[in-house]
Amino acid sequence: MTALLEIDNLTGGYRDTNVLFDVSARIETGSVLGVFGRNGVGKTTLARLVQGSLIAGAGEIRLEGSSVGTLPAYARRELGFGYMPQTSMVFDDLTVRENLNLGSNREAPDRYFERFPRLAERLDQPAGTMSGGERKILAFVRSMIEDTKLIVLDEPSEGVQPENIYHMADCLKERAAAGVGVLLCEQNLTFLTSISSWYLGLDAGTVVLNKPANEVSGADLRSILSL
């Protein structure tokens, strides 16, 4: 059966310097691939290679069986790729409302205001005047309301309060249940383990674990973070 997203022997990085080497993974429709590892092991690079702001030097990326690895980010976005980067995730000069109105929306953001009421309180406030955690939540909701097949998130919980991380997990579970695939690059193991159906562990740019969640223990995950 064809997966939603297939990554085969992906190698790439920045200009002449490769950061990832021969990475392979699959994301089924409605599943969450949890990508983890220490800082600097290549999680952000993988997210950017999948999203298209970086083009791989070797390997394949396929969406529903069709190769997309040479397409730029805007073309992948048109095919249904969503992306929340780790930094520069909102337009600081735009208001919260204007940030939420960007792009192709699947739905209005209103129902997310029950979980993240600070957004509703600050709709007319420039996003750049919000805290780092609040800007993360704004970018997260932006990614939730877009019409996407695959959502790529790079450290979405960084700087976010625990209660809001809990709400993020619920939102992602709902999107996955609706058939969306999720690639989640994350350091917070509590968050990662609460929603991942498959784990991809990275160290020094290579895959050191690639297993379904039900075959991986917490000790397995912690051991990779301590490599």
C-alpha atoms as a PDB file:
ATOM      1  CA  MET A   1       0.000   0.000   0.000  1.00  0.00           C
ATOM      2  CA  THR A   2       1.317   3.447  -0.933  1.00  0.00           C
ATOM      3  CA  ALA A   3       2.144   5.637   2.079  1.00  0.00           C
ATOM      4  CA  LEU A   4       1.126   9.280   2.274  1.00  0.00           C
ATOM      5  CA  LEU A   5       4.809  10.272   2.436  1.00  0.00           C
ATOM      6  CA  GLU A   6       7.847   8.144   1.634  1.00  0.00           C
ATOM      7  CA  ILE A   7      11.419   9.228   2.344  1.00  0.00           C
ATOM      8  CA  ASP A   8      14.031   6.970   0.758  1.00  0.00           C
ATOM      9  CA  ASN A   9      17.788   7.224   1.392  1.00  0.00           C
ATOM     10  CA  LEU A  10      17.636  10.982   1.801  1.00  0.00           C
ATOM     11  CA  THR A  11      20.970  12.797   1.995  1.00  0.00           C
ATOM     12  CA  GLY A  12      21.250  16.563   2.206  1.00  0.00           C
ATOM     13  CA  GLY A  13      22.186  19.676   4.094  1.00  0.00           C
ATOM     14  CA  TYR A  14      23.458  23.175   3.407  1.00  0.00           C
ATOM     15  CA  ARG A  15      25.428  23.921   0.229  1.00  0.00           C
ATOM     16  CA  ASP A  16      28.359  21.506   0.145  1.00  0.00           C
ATOM     17  CA  THR A  17      27.888  20.242   3.703  1.00  0.00           C
ATOM     18  CA  ASN A  18      25.608  17.263   4.212  1.00  0.00           C
ATOM     19  CA  VAL A  19      23.868  16.991   7.575  1.00  0.00           C
ATOM     20  CA  LEU A  20      21.643  13.962   6.946  1.00  0.00           C
ATOM     21  CA  PHE A  21      22.787  10.678   5.429  1.00  0.00           C
ATOM     22  CA  ASP A  22      20.618   7.925   3.896  1.00  0.00           C
ATOM     23  CA  VAL A  23      17.509   8.672   5.964  1.00  0.00           C
ATOM     24  CA  SER A  24      14.430   6.581   5.160  1.00  0.00           C
ATOM     25  CA  ALA A  25      10.961   6.803   6.723  1.00  0.00           C
ATOM     26  CA  ARG A  26       7.258   6.514   5.938  1.00  0.00           C
ATOM     27  CA  ILE A  27       4.206   8.404   7.111  1.00  0.00           C
ATOM     28  CA  GLU A  28       0.866   6.707   6.630  1.00  0.00           C
ATOM     29  CA  THR A  29      -2.350   8.667   6.217  1.00  0.00           C
ATOM     30  CA  GLY A  30      -3.590   9.661   9.667  1.00  0.00           C
ATOM     31  CA  SER A  31      -0.344   8.808  11.460  1.00  0.00           C
ATOM     32  CA  VAL A  32       2.273  10.813  13.374  1.00  0.00           C
ATOM     33  CA  LEU A  33       5.994  10.273  12.801  1.00  0.00           C
ATOM     34  CA  GLY A  34       7.869  11.482  15.877  1.00  0.00           C
ATOM     35  CA  VAL A  35      11.424  12.571  14.971  1.00  0.00           C
ATOM     36  CA  PHE A  36      13.758  13.035  17.914  1.00  0.00           C
ATOM     37  CA  GLY A  37      17.395  13.268  18.902  1.00  0.00           C
ATOM     38  CA  ARG A  38      19.802  15.643  20.572  1.00  0.00           C
ATOM     39  CA  ASN A  39      20.256  19.216  19.370  1.00  0.00           C
ATOM     40  CA  GLY A  40      22.203  19.380  16.114  1.00  0.00           C
ATOM     41  CA  VAL A  41      21.520  15.832  14.893  1.00  0.00           C
ATOM     42  CA  GLY A  42      19.553  16.928  11.817  1.00  0.00           C
ATOM     43  CA  LYS A  43      15.886  17.230  12.860  1.00  0.00           C
ATOM     44  CA  THR A  44      15.442  20.724  11.436  1.00  0.00           C
ATOM     45  CA  THR A  45      17.322  19.752   8.289  1.00  0.00           C
ATOM     46  CA  LEU A  46      14.958  16.826   7.769  1.00  0.00           C
ATOM     47  CA  ALA A  47      11.933  19.079   8.267  1.00  0.00           C
ATOM     48  CA  ARG A  48      13.269  21.574   5.715  1.00  0.00           C
ATOM     49  CA  LEU A  49      14.161  18.863   3.192  1.00  0.00           C
ATOM     50  CA  VAL A  50      10.632  17.465   3.404  1.00  0.00           C
ATOM     51  CA  GLN A  51       9.021  20.906   3.257  1.00  0.00           C
ATOM     52  CA  GLY A  52      11.190  22.018   0.341  1.00  0.00           C
ATOM     53  CA  SER A  53      13.174  24.998   1.594  1.00  0.00           C
ATOM     54  CA  LEU A  54      16.184  22.692   1.167  1.00  0.00           C
ATOM     55  CA  ILE A  55      16.624  20.355  -1.806  1.00  0.00           C
ATOM     56  CA  ALA A  56      18.226  16.978  -1.116  1.00  0.00           C
ATOM     57  CA  GLY A  57      21.507  16.020  -2.727  1.00  0.00           C
ATOM     58  CA  ALA A  58      20.403  12.402  -3.033  1.00  0.00           C
ATOM     59  CA  GLY A  59      17.417  10.209  -2.277  1.00  0.00           C
ATOM     60  CA  GLU A  60      13.688  10.431  -2.898  1.00  0.00           C
ATOM     61  CA  ILE A  61      10.666  12.104  -1.314  1.00  0.00           C
ATOM     62  CA  ARG A  62       7.278  10.917  -2.569  1.00  0.00           C
ATOM     63  CA  LEU A  63       3.789  12.164  -1.763  1.00  0.00           C
ATOM     64  CA  GLU A  64       1.147   9.516  -2.461  1.00  0.00           C
ATOM     65  CA  GLY A  65       3.612   7.749  -4.747  1.00  0.00           C
ATOM     66  CA  SER A  66       4.613  10.803  -6.802  1.00  0.00           C
ATOM     67  CA  SER A  67       8.132  12.229  -6.551  1.00  0.00           C
ATOM     68  CA  VAL A  68       8.267  15.722  -5.025  1.00  0.00           C
ATOM     69  CA  GLY A  69      11.914  15.854  -3.960  1.00  0.00           C
ATOM     70  CA  THR A  70      12.992  18.361  -6.597  1.00  0.00           C
ATOM     71  CA  LEU A  71       9.978  20.657  -6.171  1.00  0.00           C
ATOM     72  CA  PRO A  72      10.426  24.011  -4.371  1.00  0.00           C
ATOM     73  CA  ALA A  73       8.563  24.772  -1.163  1.00  0.00           C
ATOM     74  CA  TYR A  74       5.743  26.740  -2.816  1.00  0.00           C
ATOM     75  CA  ALA A  75       4.951  23.837  -5.159  1.00  0.00           C
ATOM     76  CA  ARG A  76       4.862  21.371  -2.271  1.00  0.00           C
ATOM     77  CA  ARG A  77       2.586  23.735  -0.394  1.00  0.00           C
ATOM     78  CA  GLU A  78       0.162  23.658  -3.321  1.00  0.00           C
ATOM     79  CA  LEU A  79       0.188  19.842  -3.115  1.00  0.00           C
ATOM     80  CA  GLY A  80      -0.823  19.905   0.541  1.00  0.00           C
ATOM     81  CA  PHE A  81       2.351  20.345   2.597  1.00  0.00           C
ATOM     82  CA  GLY A  82       1.966  22.452   5.740  1.00  0.00           C
ATOM     83  CA  TYR A  83       4.962  23.699   7.710  1.00  0.00           C
ATOM     84  CA  MET A  84       5.637  25.272  11.091  1.00  0.00           C
ATOM     85  CA  PRO A  85       9.340  26.191  11.369  1.00  0.00           C
ATOM     86  CA  GLN A  86      11.221  26.305  14.657  1.00  0.00           C
ATOM     87  CA  THR A  87      12.008  30.027  14.303  1.00  0.00           C
ATOM     88  CA  SER A  88      10.579  32.947  12.303  1.00  0.00           C
ATOM     89  CA  MET A  89       7.252  31.147  12.412  1.00  0.00           C
ATOM     90  CA  VAL A  90       4.971  34.205  12.225  1.00  0.00           C
ATOM     91  CA  PHE A  91       5.004  37.619  10.533  1.00  0.00           C
ATOM     92  CA  ASP A  92       5.826  39.959  13.406  1.00  0.00           C
ATOM     93  CA  ASP A  93       4.556  43.123  11.694  1.00  0.00           C
ATOM     94  CA  LEU A  94       1.132  41.597  11.023  1.00  0.00           C
ATOM     95  CA  THR A  95      -1.585  41.281  13.636  1.00  0.00           C
ATOM     96  CA  VAL A  96      -2.656  37.940  15.050  1.00  0.00           C
ATOM     97  CA  ARG A  97      -5.781  38.121  12.891  1.00  0.00           C
ATOM     98  CA  GLU A  98      -3.772  38.859   9.746  1.00  0.00           C
ATOM     99  CA  ASN A  99      -1.401  35.966  10.440  1.00  0.00           C
ATOM    100  CA  LEU A 100      -4.364  33.621  10.819  1.00  0.00           C
ATOM    101  CA  ASN A 101      -5.898  34.844   7.563  1.00  0.00           C
ATOM    102  CA  LEU A 102      -2.828  34.028   5.471  1.00  0.00           C
ATOM    103  CA  GLY A 103      -2.844  31.089   3.074  1.00  0.00           C
ATOM    104  CA  SER A 104      -5.467  28.529   2.176  1.00  0.00           C
ATOM    105  CA  ASN A 105      -7.629  27.881   5.206  1.00  0.00           C
ATOM    106  CA  ARG A 106      -9.448  24.622   5.797  1.00  0.00           C
ATOM    107  CA  GLU A 107     -11.529  26.242   8.509  1.00  0.00           C
ATOM    108  CA  ALA A 108     -11.905  29.371  10.610  1.00  0.00           C
ATOM    109  CA  PRO A 109      -9.684  29.526  13.705  1.00  0.00           C
ATOM    110  CA  ASP A 110     -12.549  30.200  16.115  1.00  0.00           C
ATOM    111  CA  ARG A 111     -12.818  26.733  17.619  1.00  0.00           C
ATOM    112  CA  TYR A 112      -9.124  26.846  18.549  1.00  0.00           C
ATOM    113  CA  PHE A 113      -9.740  29.955  20.639  1.00  0.00           C
ATOM    114  CA  GLU A 114     -11.393  27.791  23.295  1.00  0.00           C
ATOM    115  CA  ARG A 115      -8.075  26.012  23.822  1.00  0.00           C
ATOM    116  CA  PHE A 116      -5.864  29.046  23.219  1.00  0.00           C
ATOM    117  CA  PRO A 117      -7.924  32.036  24.451  1.00  0.00           C
ATOM    118  CA  ARG A 118      -4.940  34.406  24.430  1.00  0.00           C
ATOM    119  CA  LEU A 119      -5.136  34.462  20.630  1.00  0.00           C
ATOM    120  CA  ALA A 120      -8.741  35.632  20.720  1.00  0.00           C
ATOM    121  CA  GLU A 121      -7.784  38.349  23.204  1.00  0.00           C
ATOM    122  CA  ARG A 122      -4.995  39.611  20.962  1.00  0.00           C
ATOM    123  CA  LEU A 123      -6.448  39.408  17.457  1.00  0.00           C
ATOM    124  CA  ASP A 124      -5.626  43.039  16.670  1.00  0.00           C
ATOM    125  CA  GLN A 125      -2.197  43.012  18.331  1.00  0.00           C
ATOM    126  CA  PRO A 126       0.983  42.785  16.224  1.00  0.00           C
ATOM    127  CA  ALA A 127       2.359  39.274  16.506  1.00  0.00           C
ATOM    128  CA  GLY A 128       5.848  40.625  17.190  1.00  0.00           C
ATOM    129  CA  THR A 129       4.720  42.072  20.524  1.00  0.00           C
ATOM    130  CA  MET A 130       3.722  38.647  21.857  1.00  0.00           C
ATOM    131  CA  SER A 131       5.933  36.317  23.888  1.00  0.00           C
ATOM    132  CA  GLY A 132       7.881  33.559  22.170  1.00  0.00           C
ATOM    133  CA  GLY A 133       5.481  30.918  23.468  1.00  0.00           C
ATOM    134  CA  GLU A 134       2.454  32.884  22.279  1.00  0.00           C
ATOM    135  CA  ARG A 135       3.962  33.263  18.814  1.00  0.00           C
ATOM    136  CA  LYS A 136       4.508  29.486  18.777  1.00  0.00           C
ATOM    137  CA  ILE A 137       0.827  28.940  19.554  1.00  0.00           C
ATOM    138  CA  LEU A 138      -0.168  31.389  16.815  1.00  0.00           C
ATOM    139  CA  ALA A 139       1.990  29.548  14.280  1.00  0.00           C
ATOM    140  CA  PHE A 140       0.620  26.219  15.492  1.00  0.00           C
ATOM    141  CA  VAL A 141      -3.010  27.278  15.036  1.00  0.00           C
ATOM    142  CA  ARG A 142      -2.062  28.695  11.629  1.00  0.00           C
ATOM    143  CA  SER A 143      -0.851  25.206  10.652  1.00  0.00           C
ATOM    144  CA  MET A 144      -3.975  23.550  12.058  1.00  0.00           C
ATOM    145  CA  ILE A 145      -6.463  25.564  10.004  1.00  0.00           C
ATOM    146  CA  GLU A 146      -4.719  25.197   6.651  1.00  0.00           C
ATOM    147  CA  ASP A 147      -5.995  22.776   4.027  1.00  0.00           C
ATOM    148  CA  THR A 148      -3.156  20.243   4.120  1.00  0.00           C
ATOM    149  CA  LYS A 149      -2.458  16.543   3.668  1.00  0.00           C
ATOM    150  CA  LEU A 150       0.807  16.602   5.628  1.00  0.00           C
ATOM    151  CA  ILE A 151       1.882  18.891   8.463  1.00  0.00           C
ATOM    152  CA  VAL A 152       5.598  19.303   9.213  1.00  0.00           C
ATOM    153  CA  LEU A 153       6.266  20.798  12.657  1.00  0.00           C
ATOM    154  CA  ASP A 154       9.723  21.710  13.947  1.00  0.00           C
ATOM    155  CA  GLU A 155       9.896  21.966  17.771  1.00  0.00           C
ATOM    156  CA  PRO A 156       6.346  23.358  18.176  1.00  0.00           C
ATOM    157  CA  SER A 157       6.355  23.007  21.987  1.00  0.00           C
ATOM    158  CA  GLU A 158       9.557  24.985  22.587  1.00  0.00           C
ATOM    159  CA  GLY A 159       8.817  27.805  25.045  1.00  0.00           C
ATOM    160  CA  VAL A 160       5.142  26.848  25.352  1.00  0.00           C
ATOM    161  CA  GLN A 161       3.473  26.354  28.726  1.00  0.00           C
ATOM    162  CA  PRO A 162       2.641  22.726  29.664  1.00  0.00           C
ATOM    163  CA  GLU A 163      -1.124  23.302  29.592  1.00  0.00           C
ATOM    164  CA  ASN A 164      -0.916  24.590  26.026  1.00  0.00           C
ATOM    165  CA  ILE A 165       1.345  21.710  24.978  1.00  0.00           C
ATOM    166  CA  TYR A 166      -1.418  19.392  26.185  1.00  0.00           C
ATOM    167  CA  HIS A 167      -3.880  21.268  23.955  1.00  0.00           C
ATOM    168  CA  MET A 168      -1.456  21.052  21.023  1.00  0.00           C
ATOM    169  CA  ALA A 169      -1.368  17.281  21.414  1.00  0.00           C
ATOM    170  CA  ASP A 170      -5.166  17.097  21.322  1.00  0.00           C
ATOM    171  CA  CYS A 171      -5.282  19.248  18.180  1.00  0.00           C
ATOM    172  CA  LEU A 172      -2.752  17.025  16.407  1.00  0.00           C
ATOM    173  CA  LYS A 173      -4.643  13.885  17.407  1.00  0.00           C
ATOM    174  CA  GLU A 174      -7.782  15.376  15.873  1.00  0.00           C
ATOM    175  CA  ARG A 175      -6.046  16.274  12.621  1.00  0.00           C
ATOM    176  CA  ALA A 176      -4.508  12.803  12.394  1.00  0.00           C
ATOM    177  CA  ALA A 177      -7.901  11.208  13.067  1.00  0.00           C
ATOM    178  CA  ALA A 178      -9.226  13.254  10.130  1.00  0.00           C
ATOM    179  CA  GLY A 179      -6.610  11.657   7.847  1.00  0.00           C
ATOM    180  CA  VAL A 180      -3.777  14.164   7.919  1.00  0.00           C
ATOM    181  CA  GLY A 181      -0.194  12.899   8.233  1.00  0.00           C
ATOM    182  CA  VAL A 182       2.144  14.589  10.703  1.00  0.00           C
ATOM    183  CA  LEU A 183       5.938  14.825  10.805  1.00  0.00           C
ATOM    184  CA  LEU A 184       6.770  16.070  14.293  1.00  0.00           C
ATOM    185  CA  CYS A 185      10.361  17.036  15.146  1.00  0.00           C
ATOM    186  CA  GLU A 186      10.398  17.433  18.906  1.00  0.00           C
ATOM    187  CA  GLN A 187      12.645  17.399  21.976  1.00  0.00           C
ATOM    188  CA  ASN A 188       9.831  17.163  24.531  1.00  0.00           C
ATOM    189  CA  LEU A 189       9.469  13.400  25.030  1.00  0.00           C
ATOM    190  CA  THR A 190       6.217  13.693  26.978  1.00  0.00           C
ATOM    191  CA  PHE A 191       4.621  15.526  24.062  1.00  0.00           C
ATOM    192  CA  LEU A 192       6.244  13.279  21.469  1.00  0.00           C
ATOM    193  CA  THR A 193       5.177  10.027  23.107  1.00  0.00           C
ATOM    194  CA  SER A 194       1.613  11.218  23.669  1.00  0.00           C
ATOM    195  CA  ILE A 195       0.834  11.371  19.957  1.00  0.00           C
ATOM    196  CA  SER A 196       3.447   9.508  17.881  1.00  0.00           C
ATOM    197  CA  SER A 197       2.507   6.276  16.126  1.00  0.00           C
ATOM    198  CA  TRP A 198       6.063   5.736  14.834  1.00  0.00           C
ATOM    199  CA  TYR A 199       9.486   6.953  15.989  1.00  0.00           C
ATOM    200  CA  LEU A 200      12.490   8.054  13.957  1.00  0.00           C
ATOM    201  CA  GLY A 201      15.581   8.575  16.103  1.00  0.00           C
ATOM    202  CA  LEU A 202      18.536  10.495  14.682  1.00  0.00           C
ATOM    203  CA  ASP A 203      22.130  10.823  15.785  1.00  0.00           C
ATOM    204  CA  ALA A 204      24.911  12.539  13.826  1.00  0.00           C
ATOM    205  CA  GLY A 205      22.630  12.744  10.797  1.00  0.00           C
ATOM    206  CA  THR A 206      21.882   9.025  10.589  1.00  0.00           C
ATOM    207  CA  VAL A 207      18.920   6.895  11.636  1.00  0.00           C
ATOM    208  CA  VAL A 208      19.498   5.017  14.887  1.00  0.00           C
ATOM    209  CA  LEU A 209      15.879   4.004  15.507  1.00  0.00           C
ATOM    210  CA  ASN A 210      12.972   3.498  13.125  1.00  0.00           C
ATOM    211  CA  LYS A 211      10.150   1.563  14.784  1.00  0.00           C
ATOM    212  CA  PRO A 212       6.433   1.705  15.597  1.00  0.00           C
ATOM    213  CA  ALA A 213       5.667   3.326  18.935  1.00  0.00           C
ATOM    214  CA  ASN A 214       4.368   0.117  20.475  1.00  0.00           C
ATOM    215  CA  GLU A 215       7.802  -1.481  20.059  1.00  0.00           C
ATOM    216  CA  VAL A 216       9.762   1.326  21.717  1.00  0.00           C
ATOM    217  CA  SER A 217      10.189   1.970  25.440  1.00  0.00           C
ATOM    218  CA  GLY A 218      10.862   5.218  27.213  1.00  0.00           C
ATOM    219  CA  ALA A 219      14.312   3.901  28.048  1.00  0.00           C
ATOM    220  CA  ASP A 220      14.996   3.409  24.330  1.00  0.00           C
ATOM    221  CA  LEU A 221      14.128   7.027  23.645  1.00  0.00           C
ATOM    222  CA  ARG A 222      16.150   8.404  26.547  1.00  0.00           C
ATOM    223  CA  SER A 223      19.186   6.364  25.568  1.00  0.00           C
ATOM    224  CA  ILE A 224      19.259   7.996  22.142  1.00  0.00           C
ATOM    225  CA  LEU A 225      18.982  11.470  23.659  1.00  0.00           C
ATOM    226  CA  SER A 226      22.002  10.675  25.813  1.00  0.00           C
ATOM    227  CA  LEU A 227      24.222   9.393  22.976  1.00  0.00           C
END
